[in-house]
Amino acid sequence: MTDKYKETWHPKNEQADKIILPAMQGIAQQCAGYTNQIQCSPEFISVMLRDVADAFENPTSQANGDCSCV
C-alpha cells in the first residue's frame, strides 16, 4: 500500500459495519477452522496471515515469484 492511500482513505461507517468487520470475523473463523483441520498451531496461522498482508504491502515481491510461505 502506498503512503498516499494510508494517509487519505478511511472507511465509511457503513463500509466498516457491513463489509470490513464481517469480513475480518469471517477470516478469523476460517483460520480458526484451519488450526483444527490441519492440526497446526495458532502461530502458524499468524505467519500465514502475515505473508498475505506482506503480499498486499509489497506487491513487487509477488511479481518476482518470491513467496516466503514456502
C-alpha atoms as a PDB file:
ATOM      1  CA  MET A   1       0.000   0.000   0.000  1.00  0.00           C
ATOM      2  CA  THR A   2       1.372   3.377  -0.875  1.00  0.00           C
ATOM      3  CA  ASP A   3       1.679   6.209   1.615  1.00  0.00           C
ATOM      4  CA  LYS A   4      -0.927   8.107  -0.409  1.00  0.00           C
ATOM      5  CA  TYR A   5      -3.616   5.529   0.405  1.00  0.00           C
ATOM      6  CA  LYS A   6      -2.544   5.176   4.041  1.00  0.00           C
ATOM      7  CA  GLU A   7      -2.987   8.902   4.547  1.00  0.00           C
ATOM      8  CA  THR A   8      -6.178   9.551   2.600  1.00  0.00           C
ATOM      9  CA  TRP A   9      -8.514   6.555   2.727  1.00  0.00           C
ATOM     10  CA  HIS A  10     -10.752   5.827   5.698  1.00  0.00           C
ATOM     11  CA  PRO A  11     -13.752   3.525   5.570  1.00  0.00           C
ATOM     12  CA  LYS A  12     -17.188   4.977   5.935  1.00  0.00           C
ATOM     13  CA  ASN A  13     -19.152   3.709   8.925  1.00  0.00           C
ATOM     14  CA  GLU A  14     -21.407   1.643   6.682  1.00  0.00           C
ATOM     15  CA  GLN A  15     -18.392   0.043   4.970  1.00  0.00           C
ATOM     16  CA  ALA A  16     -16.835  -0.797   8.315  1.00  0.00           C
ATOM     17  CA  ASP A  17     -20.061  -2.223   9.748  1.00  0.00           C
ATOM     18  CA  LYS A  18     -21.356  -4.115   6.716  1.00  0.00           C
ATOM     19  CA  ILE A  19     -18.207  -5.176   4.879  1.00  0.00           C
ATOM     20  CA  ILE A  20     -14.955  -4.813   6.793  1.00  0.00           C
ATOM     21  CA  LEU A  21     -15.892  -6.139  10.243  1.00  0.00           C
ATOM     22  CA  PRO A  22     -17.873  -9.128   8.906  1.00  0.00           C
ATOM     23  CA  ALA A  23     -15.003  -9.949   6.540  1.00  0.00           C
ATOM     24  CA  MET A  24     -12.480  -9.830   9.375  1.00  0.00           C
ATOM     25  CA  GLN A  25     -14.703 -12.040  11.532  1.00  0.00           C
ATOM     26  CA  GLY A  26     -15.152 -14.492   8.666  1.00  0.00           C
ATOM     27  CA  ILE A  27     -11.418 -14.663   8.026  1.00  0.00           C
ATOM     28  CA  ALA A  28     -10.763 -15.238  11.740  1.00  0.00           C
ATOM     29  CA  GLN A  29     -13.339 -18.064  11.869  1.00  0.00           C
ATOM     30  CA  GLN A  30     -11.944 -19.632   8.711  1.00  0.00           C
ATOM     31  CA  CYS A  31      -8.404 -19.523  10.084  1.00  0.00           C
ATOM     32  CA  ALA A  32      -9.533 -20.981  13.418  1.00  0.00           C
ATOM     33  CA  GLY A  33     -11.010 -23.841  11.410  1.00  0.00           C
ATOM     34  CA  TYR A  34      -7.655 -24.394   9.711  1.00  0.00           C
ATOM     35  CA  THR A  35      -5.937 -24.894  13.065  1.00  0.00           C
ATOM     36  CA  ASN A  36      -8.362 -27.738  13.761  1.00  0.00           C
ATOM     37  CA  GLN A  37      -8.401 -29.128  10.233  1.00  0.00           C
ATOM     38  CA  ILE A  38      -4.635 -29.358   9.709  1.00  0.00           C
ATOM     39  CA  GLN A  39      -3.710 -29.629  13.401  1.00  0.00           C
ATOM     40  CA  CYS A  40      -1.346 -26.672  13.365  1.00  0.00           C
ATOM     41  CA  SER A  41      -0.559 -24.055  15.960  1.00  0.00           C
ATOM     42  CA  PRO A  42      -2.212 -20.631  16.001  1.00  0.00           C
ATOM     43  CA  GLU A  43       1.285 -19.212  15.479  1.00  0.00           C
ATOM     44  CA  PHE A  44       1.477 -20.957  12.087  1.00  0.00           C
ATOM     45  CA  ILE A  45      -1.802 -19.315  11.079  1.00  0.00           C
ATOM     46  CA  SER A  46      -0.439 -15.917  12.141  1.00  0.00           C
ATOM     47  CA  VAL A  47       2.593 -16.485   9.878  1.00  0.00           C
ATOM     48  CA  MET A  48       0.227 -17.321   7.011  1.00  0.00           C
ATOM     49  CA  LEU A  49      -1.758 -14.144   7.606  1.00  0.00           C
ATOM     50  CA  ARG A  50       1.427 -12.078   7.854  1.00  0.00           C
ATOM     51  CA  ASP A  51       2.544 -13.433   4.483  1.00  0.00           C
ATOM     52  CA  VAL A  52      -0.800 -12.451   2.961  1.00  0.00           C
ATOM     53  CA  ALA A  53      -0.514  -8.955   4.442  1.00  0.00           C
ATOM     54  CA  ASP A  54       3.054  -8.664   3.151  1.00  0.00           C
ATOM     55  CA  ALA A  55       1.871  -9.514  -0.361  1.00  0.00           C
ATOM     56  CA  PHE A  56      -0.515  -6.554  -0.229  1.00  0.00           C
ATOM     57  CA  GLU A  57       2.068  -4.208   1.264  1.00  0.00           C
ATOM     58  CA  ASN A  58       4.875  -5.281  -1.088  1.00  0.00           C
ATOM     59  CA  PRO A  59       3.219  -6.371  -4.346  1.00  0.00           C
ATOM     60  CA  THR A  60       6.543  -6.428  -6.222  1.00  0.00           C
ATOM     61  CA  SER A  61       7.734  -9.482  -4.268  1.00  0.00           C
ATOM     62  CA  GLN A  62       4.833 -11.492  -5.747  1.00  0.00           C
ATOM     63  CA  ALA A  63       5.749 -10.413  -9.256  1.00  0.00           C
ATOM     64  CA  ASN A  64       9.213 -11.909  -8.772  1.00  0.00           C
ATOM     65  CA  GLY A  65       7.730 -15.238  -7.726  1.00  0.00           C
ATOM     66  CA  ASP A  66       9.017 -14.809  -4.164  1.00  0.00           C
ATOM     67  CA  CYS A  67       6.804 -16.467  -1.571  1.00  0.00           C
ATOM     68  CA  SER A  68       8.185 -16.674   1.933  1.00  0.00           C
ATOM     69  CA  CYS A  69       5.448 -19.096   2.935  1.00  0.00           C
ATOM     70  CA  VAL A  70       7.019 -21.972   1.005  1.00  0.00           C
END
